[in-house]
Every structure is written in C-alpha cells, then in structure tokens.
Amino acid sequence: MSETKEIIVTITFAGYLKHYTGHREPQTLVLPADSSAKAAIGQFEIPDRLIKVVLINGEKADMDTTLQDGDAITLQPLLLGG
C-alpha cells in the first residue's frame, strides 16, 4: 500500500484579489505533492488575466512552478488605471 504525500502551502492575496476571493487573511491549502502554483491558485477560481505576479517565498515564479511543503504564495493583481 503506497502512501499519498501531501504538502501544505499558504496563499496570500494582494490588492483587489482580497475582495475578489473574499479572503483578506492568508489561506492554508493541503495539496497533493508535486502540485503546481496553478493548481493551488485554481482552488480559488481566479481568472489568469487578473493575476499579474506570482511570488513563491518572495521570489517571482511561473504558474507551472512545482510547489514544496511550506511554500508561501503571494498573488499580485494586474493594476489598472493611469
């Protein structure tokens, strides 16, 4: 019998993404090992077009980045205006 490994990550929403998702505080997620940032973000049904920057542990990352246990994800929205 094989054991399914899980990871725990936190995700923080910046700017209007807090209002869009309804989450002002960081959210903790339990995901299967080898999950991508996109899989974590997908839990909140945010359209890709609204996300400008993905940070993992303070470093800019791609949506396809594989997450590690304990990672902290921050999502920054596309800024509009001028």
N, C-alpha and C. Protein backbone atom coordinates (compact mmCIF):
# COMPACT_ATOMS: atom_id res chain seq x y z
N MET A 1 0.85 -1.16 0.00
CA MET A 1 0.00 0.00 0.00
C MET A 1 0.90 1.23 0.00
N SER A 2 0.71 2.12 -0.99
CA SER A 2 1.53 3.33 -1.06
C SER A 2 0.83 4.47 -0.34
N GLU A 3 1.63 5.34 0.22
CA GLU A 3 1.11 6.48 0.96
C GLU A 3 1.13 7.70 0.06
N THR A 4 0.02 8.42 0.00
CA THR A 4 -0.05 9.64 -0.80
C THR A 4 0.54 10.78 0.01
N LYS A 5 1.55 11.42 -0.55
CA LYS A 5 2.19 12.53 0.15
C LYS A 5 1.45 13.82 -0.17
N GLU A 6 1.29 14.61 0.84
CA GLU A 6 0.64 15.91 0.69
C GLU A 6 1.59 17.00 1.14
N ILE A 7 1.35 18.19 0.64
CA ILE A 7 2.10 19.36 1.06
C ILE A 7 1.12 20.40 1.60
N ILE A 8 1.64 21.26 2.45
CA ILE A 8 0.84 22.35 2.99
C ILE A 8 1.49 23.65 2.54
N VAL A 9 0.70 24.52 1.92
CA VAL A 9 1.19 25.82 1.46
C VAL A 9 0.23 26.89 1.94
N THR A 10 0.71 28.14 1.96
CA THR A 10 -0.18 29.26 2.26
C THR A 10 -0.24 30.16 1.03
N ILE A 11 -1.38 30.77 0.86
CA ILE A 11 -1.56 31.67 -0.28
C ILE A 11 -2.14 32.98 0.24
N THR A 12 -1.52 34.09 -0.17
CA THR A 12 -1.93 35.42 0.25
C THR A 12 -2.35 36.21 -0.98
N PHE A 13 -3.45 36.90 -0.86
CA PHE A 13 -3.99 37.70 -1.96
C PHE A 13 -3.70 39.17 -1.69
N ALA A 14 -3.17 39.87 -2.68
CA ALA A 14 -2.87 41.29 -2.56
C ALA A 14 -3.91 42.10 -3.33
N GLY A 15 -4.04 43.37 -2.95
CA GLY A 15 -4.90 44.30 -3.67
C GLY A 15 -6.34 43.82 -3.77
N TYR A 16 -6.93 44.06 -4.93
CA TYR A 16 -8.35 43.73 -5.10
C TYR A 16 -8.61 42.23 -5.15
N LEU A 17 -7.56 41.41 -5.24
CA LEU A 17 -7.78 39.96 -5.19
C LEU A 17 -8.34 39.54 -3.83
N LYS A 18 -8.04 40.31 -2.78
CA LYS A 18 -8.64 40.04 -1.46
C LYS A 18 -10.15 40.14 -1.55
N HIS A 19 -10.64 41.17 -2.23
CA HIS A 19 -12.08 41.37 -2.36
C HIS A 19 -12.68 40.36 -3.33
N TYR A 20 -11.96 40.07 -4.41
CA TYR A 20 -12.45 39.13 -5.42
C TYR A 20 -12.69 37.75 -4.81
N THR A 21 -11.72 37.31 -3.98
CA THR A 21 -11.81 35.97 -3.39
C THR A 21 -12.57 35.95 -2.07
N GLY A 22 -12.68 37.14 -1.43
CA GLY A 22 -13.30 37.18 -0.11
C GLY A 22 -12.36 36.77 1.01
N HIS A 23 -11.07 36.64 0.71
CA HIS A 23 -10.09 36.21 1.70
C HIS A 23 -9.09 37.33 1.96
N ARG A 24 -9.20 37.95 3.11
CA ARG A 24 -8.26 39.01 3.49
C ARG A 24 -7.03 38.43 4.19
N GLU A 25 -7.18 37.29 4.82
CA GLU A 25 -6.08 36.64 5.53
C GLU A 25 -5.48 35.54 4.66
N PRO A 26 -4.20 35.21 4.89
CA PRO A 26 -3.59 34.10 4.14
C PRO A 26 -4.40 32.81 4.35
N GLN A 27 -4.49 32.03 3.30
CA GLN A 27 -5.22 30.77 3.33
C GLN A 27 -4.25 29.60 3.29
N THR A 28 -4.52 28.58 4.08
CA THR A 28 -3.70 27.38 4.11
C THR A 28 -4.37 26.32 3.24
N LEU A 29 -3.58 25.71 2.38
CA LEU A 29 -4.08 24.66 1.49
C LEU A 29 -3.30 23.38 1.71
N VAL A 30 -3.98 22.25 1.65
CA VAL A 30 -3.34 20.95 1.64
C VAL A 30 -3.52 20.41 0.23
N LEU A 31 -2.39 20.15 -0.44
CA LEU A 31 -2.40 19.74 -1.84
C LEU A 31 -1.60 18.45 -2.02
N PRO A 32 -1.86 17.73 -3.09
CA PRO A 32 -1.01 16.58 -3.40
C PRO A 32 0.43 17.04 -3.67
N ALA A 33 1.39 16.20 -3.30
CA ALA A 33 2.79 16.50 -3.61
C ALA A 33 2.92 16.71 -5.11
N ASP A 34 3.87 17.54 -5.50
CA ASP A 34 4.13 17.86 -6.91
C ASP A 34 3.04 18.73 -7.54
N SER A 35 2.22 19.38 -6.73
CA SER A 35 1.23 20.31 -7.27
C SER A 35 1.93 21.58 -7.76
N SER A 36 1.34 22.20 -8.75
CA SER A 36 1.88 23.45 -9.29
C SER A 36 1.22 24.65 -8.62
N ALA A 37 1.82 25.81 -8.81
CA ALA A 37 1.21 27.04 -8.33
C ALA A 37 -0.17 27.21 -8.96
N LYS A 38 -0.29 26.86 -10.23
CA LYS A 38 -1.57 26.98 -10.94
C LYS A 38 -2.64 26.12 -10.26
N ALA A 39 -2.28 24.93 -9.80
CA ALA A 39 -3.23 24.06 -9.12
C ALA A 39 -3.71 24.69 -7.81
N ALA A 40 -2.79 25.32 -7.08
CA ALA A 40 -3.16 25.99 -5.83
C ALA A 40 -4.08 27.17 -6.10
N ILE A 41 -3.71 27.97 -7.08
CA ILE A 41 -4.49 29.15 -7.43
C ILE A 41 -5.87 28.74 -7.94
N GLY A 42 -5.93 27.62 -8.65
CA GLY A 42 -7.18 27.12 -9.19
C GLY A 42 -8.22 26.81 -8.13
N GLN A 43 -7.80 26.60 -6.90
CA GLN A 43 -8.75 26.35 -5.81
C GLN A 43 -9.67 27.55 -5.57
N PHE A 44 -9.25 28.73 -6.06
CA PHE A 44 -10.00 29.96 -5.79
C PHE A 44 -10.69 30.52 -7.03
N GLU A 45 -10.58 29.83 -8.16
CA GLU A 45 -11.27 30.21 -9.40
C GLU A 45 -11.02 31.66 -9.81
N ILE A 46 -9.77 32.08 -9.74
CA ILE A 46 -9.39 33.42 -10.17
C ILE A 46 -8.97 33.35 -11.63
N PRO A 47 -9.56 34.15 -12.51
CA PRO A 47 -9.12 34.14 -13.91
C PRO A 47 -7.64 34.54 -14.02
N ASP A 48 -6.90 33.82 -14.84
CA ASP A 48 -5.47 34.10 -15.03
C ASP A 48 -5.22 35.56 -15.38
N ARG A 49 -6.14 36.16 -16.13
CA ARG A 49 -5.93 37.54 -16.59
C ARG A 49 -5.89 38.54 -15.45
N LEU A 50 -6.41 38.17 -14.27
CA LEU A 50 -6.41 39.08 -13.13
C LEU A 50 -5.12 39.03 -12.32
N ILE A 51 -4.30 38.01 -12.56
CA ILE A 51 -3.07 37.83 -11.79
C ILE A 51 -1.89 38.33 -12.60
N LYS A 52 -1.18 39.31 -12.07
CA LYS A 52 -0.02 39.88 -12.76
C LYS A 52 1.27 39.21 -12.31
N VAL A 53 1.43 39.01 -11.00
CA VAL A 53 2.68 38.47 -10.47
C VAL A 53 2.36 37.36 -9.47
N VAL A 54 3.11 36.25 -9.60
CA VAL A 54 3.06 35.16 -8.64
C VAL A 54 4.41 35.13 -7.93
N LEU A 55 4.38 35.23 -6.62
CA LEU A 55 5.60 35.12 -5.83
C LEU A 55 5.52 33.84 -5.00
N ILE A 56 6.61 33.10 -4.98
CA ILE A 56 6.71 31.93 -4.10
C ILE A 56 7.91 32.18 -3.20
N ASN A 57 7.64 32.26 -1.91
CA ASN A 57 8.67 32.57 -0.92
C ASN A 57 9.40 33.86 -1.26
N GLY A 58 8.64 34.83 -1.77
CA GLY A 58 9.19 36.15 -2.07
C GLY A 58 9.90 36.27 -3.41
N GLU A 59 9.96 35.21 -4.18
CA GLU A 59 10.64 35.21 -5.48
C GLU A 59 9.61 35.07 -6.60
N LYS A 60 9.78 35.84 -7.67
CA LYS A 60 8.86 35.74 -8.80
C LYS A 60 8.91 34.32 -9.37
N ALA A 61 7.74 33.79 -9.70
CA ALA A 61 7.64 32.41 -10.17
C ALA A 61 6.61 32.30 -11.28
N ASP A 62 6.68 31.20 -12.01
CA ASP A 62 5.70 30.88 -13.05
C ASP A 62 4.56 30.08 -12.44
N MET A 63 3.43 30.08 -13.13
CA MET A 63 2.28 29.30 -12.70
C MET A 63 2.58 27.80 -12.68
N ASP A 64 3.53 27.37 -13.53
CA ASP A 64 3.87 25.95 -13.62
C ASP A 64 4.89 25.50 -12.59
N THR A 65 5.35 26.41 -11.74
CA THR A 65 6.34 26.06 -10.73
C THR A 65 5.77 25.00 -9.78
N THR A 66 6.55 23.95 -9.54
CA THR A 66 6.14 22.90 -8.61
C THR A 66 6.34 23.39 -7.18
N LEU A 67 5.31 23.23 -6.39
CA LEU A 67 5.34 23.70 -5.01
C LEU A 67 6.00 22.69 -4.09
N GLN A 68 6.58 23.21 -3.02
CA GLN A 68 7.19 22.40 -1.98
C GLN A 68 6.43 22.61 -0.67
N ASP A 69 6.52 21.64 0.21
CA ASP A 69 5.86 21.77 1.51
C ASP A 69 6.35 23.04 2.20
N GLY A 70 5.41 23.84 2.70
CA GLY A 70 5.75 25.05 3.43
C GLY A 70 5.87 26.30 2.58
N ASP A 71 5.71 26.18 1.28
CA ASP A 71 5.82 27.36 0.41
C ASP A 71 4.75 28.40 0.75
N ALA A 72 5.14 29.66 0.57
CA ALA A 72 4.22 30.78 0.76
C ALA A 72 4.04 31.45 -0.60
N ILE A 73 2.81 31.45 -1.08
CA ILE A 73 2.47 32.03 -2.39
C ILE A 73 1.80 33.38 -2.15
N THR A 74 2.22 34.38 -2.91
CA THR A 74 1.55 35.68 -2.89
C THR A 74 1.11 36.01 -4.30
N LEU A 75 -0.13 36.41 -4.46
CA LEU A 75 -0.66 36.78 -5.77
C LEU A 75 -0.89 38.28 -5.80
N GLN A 76 -0.31 38.91 -6.81
CA GLN A 76 -0.49 40.35 -7.00
C GLN A 76 -1.31 40.56 -8.27
N PRO A 77 -2.31 41.44 -8.19
CA PRO A 77 -3.21 41.63 -9.32
C PRO A 77 -2.62 42.55 -10.39
N LEU A 78 -3.23 42.48 -11.54
CA LEU A 78 -2.97 43.43 -12.60
C LEU A 78 -3.49 44.78 -12.13
N LEU A 79 -2.67 45.79 -12.25
CA LEU A 79 -3.10 47.14 -11.85
C LEU A 79 -3.63 47.88 -13.05
N LEU A 80 -4.76 48.51 -12.87
CA LEU A 80 -5.39 49.26 -13.94
C LEU A 80 -5.41 50.74 -13.59
N GLY A 81 -5.50 51.56 -14.56
CA GLY A 81 -5.59 52.99 -14.31
C GLY A 81 -4.42 53.73 -14.94
N GLY A 82 -4.30 54.98 -14.65
CA GLY A 82 -3.22 55.71 -15.26
C GLY A 82 -3.00 57.06 -14.68
